[in-house]
C-alpha cells in the first residue's frame, strides 16, 4: 500500500532537483517571520502595560503565548535553517534561549540526539521523562512547572560540570559548562539591575507572561510525538497537526512536524510544500490540537 512506505522510501521518490530546492536557505523568510513575531510580541506587551483587571490577565496570557513561542525560532536557528547567515542563526538562538532558559548549545546537542533517535526509548533524550499517561500526570506536565524546574536544574548542573548528557561529545563539554555559567551570570545581572532600577516590566513583560504562556507551549510540543509508535519510521513516529494559520505562524510551520523530522535540513518556509509531497503517506496526523490531545488521552487506555 502507498502509505506503508517509510520516510526514506518516500523521500527517495522526490527528485534530486526538488530536494535541492527544498533545502535552499535564505535570510528573507526568516527575517520577515521574526519581524512579524516580534511585532506581535510588542503589540501584546503594549496591551499588558495598558490594561487593568481581568483584561490584564487575558493580555498577559496572550503575551506569554507569543513570548514562549520564541521557542520555535530558537529551534529553527539551532538547526541552522532559520536564516542562511550563520550569525543571524546564532544571534536569534541566543536571544530566544536567554528569554526561555534554554541555552542554544545545550539545546542543539539535546535536540539533535532526539532527531537521531526519535522515539527510541533507550537513546531519545525526550523520552528520559515519561510522557503523561494519567490525568494528574497530564495536568502536571501541561502546567509547565516540570519544565521550569528542569531548566533551572540543567543550568545549575551544567555550570558545575555535572549530569551532562551522554549525547554531548567530550570535546564540547567545556564549552557547554562555559555557556551555562555565562547564562547564570546574565540572569544574575538582570536580577540585580532590575531590582536596583526598579524595572518592574521585567516581571510583567517577561517572568509572569512566560509562566502563563508555558502551558500552551507544553500542549503544542506534547502533540509532536506523544501516543505515536516507538518505531524508526518518521512517517509514523511523528505527528503532523493540521491547524489554523495563526498557530502555523507562531510555530514557524513546525506543526508540519513529520516533514521536519523526515528531512531536518529543509527550512521552515518549505515545510508546507514537503508535507504536500508526502501527503497520502503520513501515518500520524490530527485535525487541530484538540484532536491531537484526544488521541494522546485515548492512548492511555491501550
C-alpha atoms as a PDB file:
ATOM      1  CA  UNK A   1       0.000   0.000   0.000  1.00  0.00           C
ATOM      2  CA  UNK A   2       1.188   3.516  -0.797  1.00  0.00           C
ATOM      3  CA  UNK A   3       1.041   4.823   2.745  1.00  0.00           C
ATOM      4  CA  UNK A   4       3.031   1.866   4.061  1.00  0.00           C
ATOM      5  CA  UNK A   5       6.332   3.152   2.698  1.00  0.00           C
ATOM      6  CA  UNK A   6       8.882   4.502   5.177  1.00  0.00           C
ATOM      7  CA  UNK A   7      10.068   8.090   5.233  1.00  0.00           C
ATOM      8  CA  UNK A   8      13.296   7.105   3.498  1.00  0.00           C
ATOM      9  CA  UNK A   9      11.372   5.418   0.690  1.00  0.00           C
ATOM     10  CA  UNK A  10       9.005   8.394   0.404  1.00  0.00           C
ATOM     11  CA  UNK A  11      11.906  10.851   0.146  1.00  0.00           C
ATOM     12  CA  UNK A  12      13.549   8.661  -2.494  1.00  0.00           C
ATOM     13  CA  UNK A  13      10.518   9.289  -4.697  1.00  0.00           C
ATOM     14  CA  UNK A  14      11.266  13.040  -4.743  1.00  0.00           C
ATOM     15  CA  UNK A  15      13.600  14.186  -7.492  1.00  0.00           C
ATOM     16  CA  UNK A  16      17.110  15.362  -6.617  1.00  0.00           C
ATOM     17  CA  UNK A  17      16.422  18.797  -8.097  1.00  0.00           C
ATOM     18  CA  UNK A  18      13.288  19.172  -5.978  1.00  0.00           C
ATOM     19  CA  UNK A  19      15.167  18.145  -2.835  1.00  0.00           C
ATOM     20  CA  UNK A  20      17.882  20.692  -3.625  1.00  0.00           C
ATOM     21  CA  UNK A  21      15.234  23.402  -4.000  1.00  0.00           C
ATOM     22  CA  UNK A  22      13.564  22.385  -0.755  1.00  0.00           C
ATOM     23  CA  UNK A  23      16.866  22.617   1.119  1.00  0.00           C
ATOM     24  CA  UNK A  24      17.800  26.050  -0.233  1.00  0.00           C
ATOM     25  CA  UNK A  25      18.373  28.613   2.518  1.00  0.00           C
ATOM     26  CA  UNK A  26      17.568  32.318   2.541  1.00  0.00           C
ATOM     27  CA  UNK A  27      17.681  35.147   5.062  1.00  0.00           C
ATOM     28  CA  UNK A  28      14.436  36.764   3.917  1.00  0.00           C
ATOM     29  CA  UNK A  29      11.718  34.298   5.003  1.00  0.00           C
ATOM     30  CA  UNK A  30      13.234  34.061   8.483  1.00  0.00           C
ATOM     31  CA  UNK A  31      13.751  37.814   8.751  1.00  0.00           C
ATOM     32  CA  UNK A  32      10.127  38.503   7.778  1.00  0.00           C
ATOM     33  CA  UNK A  33       8.779  35.801  10.098  1.00  0.00           C
ATOM     34  CA  UNK A  34      10.909  37.021  13.003  1.00  0.00           C
ATOM     35  CA  UNK A  35       9.861  40.641  12.378  1.00  0.00           C
ATOM     36  CA  UNK A  36       6.224  39.592  12.405  1.00  0.00           C
ATOM     37  CA  UNK A  37       6.690  37.537  15.560  1.00  0.00           C
ATOM     38  CA  UNK A  38       8.392  40.431  17.355  1.00  0.00           C
ATOM     39  CA  UNK A  39       5.740  42.916  16.180  1.00  0.00           C
ATOM     40  CA  UNK A  40       3.017  40.742  17.686  1.00  0.00           C
ATOM     41  CA  UNK A  41       5.099  40.443  20.863  1.00  0.00           C
ATOM     42  CA  UNK A  42       5.421  44.246  21.027  1.00  0.00           C
ATOM     43  CA  UNK A  43       1.665  44.646  20.493  1.00  0.00           C
ATOM     44  CA  UNK A  44       0.761  42.175  23.254  1.00  0.00           C
ATOM     45  CA  UNK A  45       3.352  43.770  25.544  1.00  0.00           C
ATOM     46  CA  UNK A  46       1.788  47.193  24.917  1.00  0.00           C
ATOM     47  CA  UNK A  47      -1.608  45.703  25.760  1.00  0.00           C
ATOM     48  CA  UNK A  48      -0.266  44.274  29.042  1.00  0.00           C
ATOM     49  CA  UNK A  49       1.022  47.684  30.111  1.00  0.00           C
ATOM     50  CA  UNK A  50      -2.200  49.482  29.221  1.00  0.00           C
ATOM     51  CA  UNK A  51      -4.938  47.200  30.538  1.00  0.00           C
ATOM     52  CA  UNK A  52      -6.276  46.570  34.024  1.00  0.00           C
ATOM     53  CA  UNK A  53      -8.208  43.916  35.908  1.00  0.00           C
ATOM     54  CA  UNK A  54      -9.386  40.776  34.162  1.00  0.00           C
ATOM     55  CA  UNK A  55      -8.319  42.211  30.809  1.00  0.00           C
ATOM     56  CA  UNK A  56      -4.750  42.424  32.101  1.00  0.00           C
ATOM     57  CA  UNK A  57      -4.812  38.689  32.807  1.00  0.00           C
ATOM     58  CA  UNK A  58      -6.074  37.987  29.283  1.00  0.00           C
ATOM     59  CA  UNK A  59      -3.432  40.197  27.672  1.00  0.00           C
ATOM     60  CA  UNK A  60      -0.728  38.682  29.898  1.00  0.00           C
ATOM     61  CA  UNK A  61      -1.685  35.196  28.728  1.00  0.00           C
ATOM     62  CA  UNK A  62      -1.685  36.321  25.086  1.00  0.00           C
ATOM     63  CA  UNK A  63       1.696  37.997  25.553  1.00  0.00           C
ATOM     64  CA  UNK A  64       3.012  34.900  27.289  1.00  0.00           C
ATOM     65  CA  UNK A  65       1.952  32.633  24.446  1.00  0.00           C
ATOM     66  CA  UNK A  66       3.726  34.811  21.869  1.00  0.00           C
ATOM     67  CA  UNK A  67       6.769  35.019  24.159  1.00  0.00           C
ATOM     68  CA  UNK A  68       7.192  31.298  24.838  1.00  0.00           C
ATOM     69  CA  UNK A  69       6.663  30.506  21.160  1.00  0.00           C
ATOM     70  CA  UNK A  70      10.034  32.144  20.584  1.00  0.00           C
ATOM     71  CA  UNK A  71      10.975  28.525  21.197  1.00  0.00           C
ATOM     72  CA  UNK A  72      10.188  27.906  17.529  1.00  0.00           C
ATOM     73  CA  UNK A  73      12.724  30.371  16.047  1.00  0.00           C
ATOM     74  CA  UNK A  74      15.173  29.034  18.653  1.00  0.00           C
ATOM     75  CA  UNK A  75      14.507  25.531  17.369  1.00  0.00           C
ATOM     76  CA  UNK A  76      14.824  26.595  13.736  1.00  0.00           C
ATOM     77  CA  UNK A  77      18.004  28.578  14.340  1.00  0.00           C
ATOM     78  CA  UNK A  78      19.827  25.769  16.166  1.00  0.00           C
ATOM     79  CA  UNK A  79      19.152  23.696  13.046  1.00  0.00           C
ATOM     80  CA  UNK A  80      20.849  26.458  11.076  1.00  0.00           C
ATOM     81  CA  UNK A  81      17.829  26.741   8.763  1.00  0.00           C
ATOM     82  CA  UNK A  82      16.053  29.855  10.049  1.00  0.00           C
ATOM     83  CA  UNK A  83      18.486  32.019   8.079  1.00  0.00           C
ATOM     84  CA  UNK A  84      21.194  31.500   5.529  1.00  0.00           C
ATOM     85  CA  UNK A  85      23.624  33.698   7.514  1.00  0.00           C
ATOM     86  CA  UNK A  86      25.207  31.781  10.422  1.00  0.00           C
ATOM     87  CA  UNK A  87      25.484  34.938  12.544  1.00  0.00           C
ATOM     88  CA  UNK A  88      21.724  35.502  12.319  1.00  0.00           C
ATOM     89  CA  UNK A  89      21.034  31.940  13.428  1.00  0.00           C
ATOM     90  CA  UNK A  90      23.455  32.400  16.346  1.00  0.00           C
ATOM     91  CA  UNK A  91      22.022  35.774  17.395  1.00  0.00           C
ATOM     92  CA  UNK A  92      18.402  34.600  17.344  1.00  0.00           C
ATOM     93  CA  UNK A  93      19.206  31.360  19.150  1.00  0.00           C
ATOM     94  CA  UNK A  94      20.952  33.242  21.975  1.00  0.00           C
ATOM     95  CA  UNK A  95      18.211  35.864  22.316  1.00  0.00           C
ATOM     96  CA  UNK A  96      15.419  33.295  22.420  1.00  0.00           C
ATOM     97  CA  UNK A  97      17.475  30.898  24.541  1.00  0.00           C
ATOM     98  CA  UNK A  98      18.133  33.619  27.123  1.00  0.00           C
ATOM     99  CA  UNK A  99      14.426  34.512  27.368  1.00  0.00           C
ATOM    100  CA  UNK A 100      13.363  30.866  27.686  1.00  0.00           C
ATOM    101  CA  UNK A 101      16.137  29.479  29.954  1.00  0.00           C
ATOM    102  CA  UNK A 102      17.284  27.226  27.144  1.00  0.00           C
ATOM    103  CA  UNK A 103      20.946  27.827  26.173  1.00  0.00           C
ATOM    104  CA  UNK A 104      21.297  27.048  22.453  1.00  0.00           C
ATOM    105  CA  UNK A 105      24.474  24.971  22.561  1.00  0.00           C
ATOM    106  CA  UNK A 106      22.965  22.599  25.108  1.00  0.00           C
ATOM    107  CA  UNK A 107      19.634  22.545  23.277  1.00  0.00           C
ATOM    108  CA  UNK A 108      21.365  21.762  19.979  1.00  0.00           C
ATOM    109  CA  UNK A 109      23.032  18.613  21.354  1.00  0.00           C
ATOM    110  CA  UNK A 110      19.852  17.531  23.139  1.00  0.00           C
ATOM    111  CA  UNK A 111      17.660  18.146  20.118  1.00  0.00           C
ATOM    112  CA  UNK A 112      19.958  16.579  17.552  1.00  0.00           C
ATOM    113  CA  UNK A 113      20.072  13.419  19.681  1.00  0.00           C
ATOM    114  CA  UNK A 114      16.276  13.485  19.623  1.00  0.00           C
ATOM    115  CA  UNK A 115      16.402  13.629  15.816  1.00  0.00           C
ATOM    116  CA  UNK A 116      18.891  10.781  15.541  1.00  0.00           C
ATOM    117  CA  UNK A 117      16.937   8.547  17.917  1.00  0.00           C
ATOM    118  CA  UNK A 118      13.339   9.736  17.625  1.00  0.00           C
ATOM    119  CA  UNK A 119      11.024   7.597  19.771  1.00  0.00           C
ATOM    120  CA  UNK A 120      13.851   5.243  20.752  1.00  0.00           C
ATOM    121  CA  UNK A 121      13.262   4.649  24.487  1.00  0.00           C
ATOM    122  CA  UNK A 122      16.946   3.931  25.070  1.00  0.00           C
ATOM    123  CA  UNK A 123      18.537   6.909  23.329  1.00  0.00           C
ATOM    124  CA  UNK A 124      15.939   9.635  22.657  1.00  0.00           C
ATOM    125  CA  UNK A 125      16.563  12.232  25.419  1.00  0.00           C
ATOM    126  CA  UNK A 126      12.961  13.444  25.154  1.00  0.00           C
ATOM    127  CA  UNK A 127      11.872  10.059  26.493  1.00  0.00           C
ATOM    128  CA  UNK A 128      14.052  10.266  29.596  1.00  0.00           C
ATOM    129  CA  UNK A 129      10.997  11.816  31.229  1.00  0.00           C
ATOM    130  CA  UNK A 130       7.971   9.562  30.571  1.00  0.00           C
ATOM    131  CA  UNK A 131       5.029  11.048  28.706  1.00  0.00           C
ATOM    132  CA  UNK A 132       1.905  11.551  30.860  1.00  0.00           C
ATOM    133  CA  UNK A 133      -0.496   8.604  30.993  1.00  0.00           C
ATOM    134  CA  UNK A 134      -2.991   9.742  33.619  1.00  0.00           C
ATOM    135  CA  UNK A 135      -4.978  12.927  34.176  1.00  0.00           C
ATOM    136  CA  UNK A 136      -2.811  14.065  37.144  1.00  0.00           C
ATOM    137  CA  UNK A 137       0.395  13.469  35.138  1.00  0.00           C
ATOM    138  CA  UNK A 138      -1.126  15.213  32.111  1.00  0.00           C
ATOM    139  CA  UNK A 139      -2.189  18.329  34.028  1.00  0.00           C
ATOM    140  CA  UNK A 140       1.134  18.473  35.875  1.00  0.00           C
ATOM    141  CA  UNK A 141       3.001  18.278  32.564  1.00  0.00           C
ATOM    142  CA  UNK A 142       0.848  20.991  30.989  1.00  0.00           C
ATOM    143  CA  UNK A 143       1.333  23.291  33.976  1.00  0.00           C
ATOM    144  CA  UNK A 144       4.889  23.945  32.783  1.00  0.00           C
ATOM    145  CA  UNK A 145       6.274  23.529  36.306  1.00  0.00           C
ATOM    146  CA  UNK A 146       8.313  20.414  35.431  1.00  0.00           C
ATOM    147  CA  UNK A 147       9.849  22.290  32.500  1.00  0.00           C
ATOM    148  CA  UNK A 148      10.934  25.304  34.581  1.00  0.00           C
ATOM    149  CA  UNK A 149      12.261  23.081  37.345  1.00  0.00           C
ATOM    150  CA  UNK A 150      14.214  21.008  34.839  1.00  0.00           C
ATOM    151  CA  UNK A 151      15.577  24.057  33.000  1.00  0.00           C
ATOM    152  CA  UNK A 152      16.934  25.588  36.218  1.00  0.00           C
ATOM    153  CA  UNK A 153      18.466  22.294  37.358  1.00  0.00           C
ATOM    154  CA  UNK A 154      20.117  21.726  33.965  1.00  0.00           C
ATOM    155  CA  UNK A 155      21.675  25.205  34.057  1.00  0.00           C
ATOM    156  CA  UNK A 156      22.993  24.751  37.592  1.00  0.00           C
ATOM    157  CA  UNK A 157      24.259  21.217  36.978  1.00  0.00           C
ATOM    158  CA  UNK A 158      25.960  22.163  33.729  1.00  0.00           C
ATOM    159  CA  UNK A 159      27.585  25.188  35.366  1.00  0.00           C
ATOM    160  CA  UNK A 160      29.019  22.772  37.949  1.00  0.00           C
ATOM    161  CA  UNK A 161      30.053  20.280  35.251  1.00  0.00           C
ATOM    162  CA  UNK A 162      27.573  17.687  36.472  1.00  0.00           C
ATOM    163  CA  UNK A 163      24.911  15.466  34.879  1.00  0.00           C
ATOM    164  CA  UNK A 164      25.877  16.251  31.302  1.00  0.00           C
ATOM    165  CA  UNK A 165      24.058  14.006  28.848  1.00  0.00           C
ATOM    166  CA  UNK A 166      25.868  11.216  27.042  1.00  0.00           C
ATOM    167  CA  UNK A 167      24.755  12.838  23.769  1.00  0.00           C
ATOM    168  CA  UNK A 168      27.223  15.707  24.366  1.00  0.00           C
ATOM    169  CA  UNK A 169      30.604  14.873  22.744  1.00  0.00           C
ATOM    170  CA  UNK A 170      33.567  15.064  25.101  1.00  0.00           C
ATOM    171  CA  UNK A 171      35.313  17.958  23.263  1.00  0.00           C
ATOM    172  CA  UNK A 172      32.164  20.093  23.684  1.00  0.00           C
ATOM    173  CA  UNK A 173      31.714  19.631  27.426  1.00  0.00           C
ATOM    174  CA  UNK A 174      33.943  22.570  28.404  1.00  0.00           C
ATOM    175  CA  UNK A 175      32.025  24.881  26.057  1.00  0.00           C
ATOM    176  CA  UNK A 176      28.713  23.632  27.464  1.00  0.00           C
ATOM    177  CA  UNK A 177      29.895  24.387  31.016  1.00  0.00           C
ATOM    178  CA  UNK A 178      31.054  27.854  29.979  1.00  0.00           C
ATOM    179  CA  UNK A 179      27.724  28.541  28.265  1.00  0.00           C
ATOM    180  CA  UNK A 180      25.764  27.592  31.393  1.00  0.00           C
ATOM    181  CA  UNK A 181      27.961  29.799  33.581  1.00  0.00           C
ATOM    182  CA  UNK A 182      27.582  32.762  31.239  1.00  0.00           C
ATOM    183  CA  UNK A 183      23.818  32.354  31.207  1.00  0.00           C
ATOM    184  CA  UNK A 184      23.678  32.217  35.009  1.00  0.00           C
ATOM    185  CA  UNK A 185      25.783  35.387  35.197  1.00  0.00           C
ATOM    186  CA  UNK A 186      23.455  37.076  32.690  1.00  0.00           C
ATOM    187  CA  UNK A 187      20.392  36.135  34.750  1.00  0.00           C
ATOM    188  CA  UNK A 188      22.057  37.328  37.960  1.00  0.00           C
ATOM    189  CA  UNK A 189      22.930  40.667  36.366  1.00  0.00           C
ATOM    190  CA  UNK A 190      19.390  41.025  35.033  1.00  0.00           C
ATOM    191  CA  UNK A 191      18.003  40.385  38.513  1.00  0.00           C
ATOM    192  CA  UNK A 192      20.382  42.842  40.213  1.00  0.00           C
ATOM    193  CA  UNK A 193      19.839  45.588  37.636  1.00  0.00           C
ATOM    194  CA  UNK A 194      16.090  45.007  37.679  1.00  0.00           C
ATOM    195  CA  UNK A 195      15.945  45.426  41.460  1.00  0.00           C
ATOM    196  CA  UNK A 196      18.274  48.413  41.612  1.00  0.00           C
ATOM    197  CA  UNK A 197      16.497  50.325  38.825  1.00  0.00           C
ATOM    198  CA  UNK A 198      13.009  49.113  39.775  1.00  0.00           C
ATOM    199  CA  UNK A 199      12.413  47.682  36.323  1.00  0.00           C
ATOM    200  CA  UNK A 200       9.008  46.176  37.062  1.00  0.00           C
ATOM    201  CA  UNK A 201       8.480  45.488  33.348  1.00  0.00           C
ATOM    202  CA  UNK A 202      10.868  42.521  33.717  1.00  0.00           C
ATOM    203  CA  UNK A 203       8.233  40.921  35.909  1.00  0.00           C
ATOM    204  CA  UNK A 204       5.176  41.962  33.903  1.00  0.00           C
ATOM    205  CA  UNK A 205       6.546  41.565  30.389  1.00  0.00           C
ATOM    206  CA  UNK A 206       8.818  38.551  30.862  1.00  0.00           C
ATOM    207  CA  UNK A 207       8.576  36.428  34.003  1.00  0.00           C
ATOM    208  CA  UNK A 208       4.818  36.316  34.665  1.00  0.00           C
ATOM    209  CA  UNK A 209       3.830  36.020  30.983  1.00  0.00           C
ATOM    210  CA  UNK A 210       6.373  33.221  30.478  1.00  0.00           C
ATOM    211  CA  UNK A 211       4.772  31.307  33.361  1.00  0.00           C
ATOM    212  CA  UNK A 212       1.280  31.902  31.977  1.00  0.00           C
ATOM    213  CA  UNK A 213       2.215  31.017  28.404  1.00  0.00           C
ATOM    214  CA  UNK A 214       4.243  27.881  29.090  1.00  0.00           C
ATOM    215  CA  UNK A 215       1.206  25.528  29.350  1.00  0.00           C
ATOM    216  CA  UNK A 216       0.296  26.384  25.756  1.00  0.00           C
ATOM    217  CA  UNK A 217       3.809  25.546  24.559  1.00  0.00           C
ATOM    218  CA  UNK A 218       3.760  22.286  26.538  1.00  0.00           C
ATOM    219  CA  UNK A 219       0.459  21.324  24.891  1.00  0.00           C
ATOM    220  CA  UNK A 220       1.839  22.153  21.460  1.00  0.00           C
ATOM    221  CA  UNK A 221       5.075  20.197  21.973  1.00  0.00           C
ATOM    222  CA  UNK A 222       3.338  17.179  23.516  1.00  0.00           C
ATOM    223  CA  UNK A 223       1.379  16.734  20.287  1.00  0.00           C
ATOM    224  CA  UNK A 224       4.542  16.215  18.236  1.00  0.00           C
ATOM    225  CA  UNK A 225       5.240  12.618  19.317  1.00  0.00           C
ATOM    226  CA  UNK A 226       3.040  11.561  22.244  1.00  0.00           C
ATOM    227  CA  UNK A 227       0.988   8.424  21.524  1.00  0.00           C
ATOM    228  CA  UNK A 228       2.983   7.794  18.332  1.00  0.00           C
ATOM    229  CA  UNK A 229       4.565   4.333  17.966  1.00  0.00           C
ATOM    230  CA  UNK A 230       8.125   3.647  19.105  1.00  0.00           C
ATOM    231  CA  UNK A 231       9.451   2.912  15.620  1.00  0.00           C
ATOM    232  CA  UNK A 232      12.163   4.410  13.420  1.00  0.00           C
ATOM    233  CA  UNK A 233       9.849   5.432  10.562  1.00  0.00           C
ATOM    234  CA  UNK A 234       9.375   9.221  10.777  1.00  0.00           C
ATOM    235  CA  UNK A 235       6.054   8.963   8.925  1.00  0.00           C
ATOM    236  CA  UNK A 236       4.707   7.018  11.902  1.00  0.00           C
ATOM    237  CA  UNK A 237       6.618   8.204  14.984  1.00  0.00           C
ATOM    238  CA  UNK A 238       5.941  11.919  14.421  1.00  0.00           C
ATOM    239  CA  UNK A 239       2.559  13.656  14.220  1.00  0.00           C
ATOM    240  CA  UNK A 240       1.584  16.323  11.709  1.00  0.00           C
ATOM    241  CA  UNK A 241      -1.128  18.593  13.093  1.00  0.00           C
ATOM    242  CA  UNK A 242      -3.195  20.479  10.536  1.00  0.00           C
ATOM    243  CA  UNK A 243      -4.136  23.733  12.228  1.00  0.00           C
ATOM    244  CA  UNK A 244      -5.019  27.367  11.572  1.00  0.00           C
ATOM    245  CA  UNK A 245      -2.697  29.976  10.091  1.00  0.00           C
ATOM    246  CA  UNK A 246      -2.091  31.831  13.384  1.00  0.00           C
ATOM    247  CA  UNK A 247      -0.649  28.726  15.047  1.00  0.00           C
ATOM    248  CA  UNK A 248       1.432  27.898  11.981  1.00  0.00           C
ATOM    249  CA  UNK A 249       2.778  31.450  12.000  1.00  0.00           C
ATOM    250  CA  UNK A 250       3.828  31.499  15.664  1.00  0.00           C
ATOM    251  CA  UNK A 251       5.137  27.937  15.424  1.00  0.00           C
ATOM    252  CA  UNK A 252       7.192  28.694  12.300  1.00  0.00           C
ATOM    253  CA  UNK A 253       5.409  25.885  10.406  1.00  0.00           C
ATOM    254  CA  UNK A 254       6.519  23.217  12.892  1.00  0.00           C
ATOM    255  CA  UNK A 255       3.025  21.662  13.022  1.00  0.00           C
ATOM    256  CA  UNK A 256       4.321  20.135   9.759  1.00  0.00           C
ATOM    257  CA  UNK A 257       6.434  18.072  12.114  1.00  0.00           C
ATOM    258  CA  UNK A 258       6.613  14.843  10.142  1.00  0.00           C
ATOM    259  CA  UNK A 259       8.141  16.705   7.207  1.00  0.00           C
ATOM    260  CA  UNK A 260      10.639  18.347   9.563  1.00  0.00           C
ATOM    261  CA  UNK A 261      11.731  15.007  11.018  1.00  0.00           C
ATOM    262  CA  UNK A 262      11.823  13.288   7.640  1.00  0.00           C
ATOM    263  CA  UNK A 263      14.198  15.955   6.293  1.00  0.00           C
ATOM    264  CA  UNK A 264      15.537  18.267   9.057  1.00  0.00           C
ATOM    265  CA  UNK A 265      17.678  20.277   6.626  1.00  0.00           C
ATOM    266  CA  UNK A 266      14.569  21.771   4.992  1.00  0.00           C
ATOM    267  CA  UNK A 267      13.932  25.328   6.281  1.00  0.00           C
ATOM    268  CA  UNK A 268      10.617  26.185   7.918  1.00  0.00           C
ATOM    269  CA  UNK A 269       9.181  28.061   4.931  1.00  0.00           C
ATOM    270  CA  UNK A 270       9.488  24.957   2.708  1.00  0.00           C
ATOM    271  CA  UNK A 271       7.827  22.523   5.123  1.00  0.00           C
ATOM    272  CA  UNK A 272       4.246  23.006   3.847  1.00  0.00           C
ATOM    273  CA  UNK A 273       5.405  22.018   0.358  1.00  0.00           C
ATOM    274  CA  UNK A 274       7.276  18.984   1.671  1.00  0.00           C
ATOM    275  CA  UNK A 275       4.147  17.942   3.570  1.00  0.00           C
ATOM    276  CA  UNK A 276       2.176  18.117   0.317  1.00  0.00           C
ATOM    277  CA  UNK A 277       4.791  15.903  -1.344  1.00  0.00           C
ATOM    278  CA  UNK A 278       4.396  13.382   1.496  1.00  0.00           C
ATOM    279  CA  UNK A 279       0.598  13.640   1.508  1.00  0.00           C
ATOM    280  CA  UNK A 280      -1.094  10.254   1.493  1.00  0.00           C
ATOM    281  CA  UNK A 281       1.855   8.646   3.267  1.00  0.00           C
ATOM    282  CA  UNK A 282       1.613  10.386   6.655  1.00  0.00           C
ATOM    283  CA  UNK A 283       0.682   7.846   9.310  1.00  0.00           C
ATOM    284  CA  UNK A 284       0.177  10.108  12.337  1.00  0.00           C
ATOM    285  CA  UNK A 285      -1.975  13.185  11.778  1.00  0.00           C
ATOM    286  CA  UNK A 286      -4.533  15.288  13.615  1.00  0.00           C
ATOM    287  CA  UNK A 287      -7.008  17.950  12.566  1.00  0.00           C
ATOM    288  CA  UNK A 288      -6.136  20.526  15.170  1.00  0.00           C
ATOM    289  CA  UNK A 289      -4.597  20.285  18.633  1.00  0.00           C
ATOM    290  CA  UNK A 290      -7.876  19.289  20.240  1.00  0.00           C
ATOM    291  CA  UNK A 291      -7.910  16.116  18.166  1.00  0.00           C
ATOM    292  CA  UNK A 292      -4.186  15.532  18.793  1.00  0.00           C
ATOM    293  CA  UNK A 293      -4.763  15.603  22.535  1.00  0.00           C
ATOM    294  CA  UNK A 294      -7.802  13.342  22.251  1.00  0.00           C
ATOM    295  CA  UNK A 295      -5.535  10.830  20.519  1.00  0.00           C
ATOM    296  CA  UNK A 296      -2.992  11.198  23.321  1.00  0.00           C
ATOM    297  CA  UNK A 297      -5.583  10.673  26.083  1.00  0.00           C
ATOM    298  CA  UNK A 298      -7.137   7.737  24.231  1.00  0.00           C
ATOM    299  CA  UNK A 299      -3.724   6.045  24.152  1.00  0.00           C
ATOM    300  CA  UNK A 300      -3.718   5.925  27.976  1.00  0.00           C
ATOM    301  CA  UNK A 301      -6.237   3.098  27.760  1.00  0.00           C
ATOM    302  CA  UNK A 302      -4.019   0.987  25.488  1.00  0.00           C
END
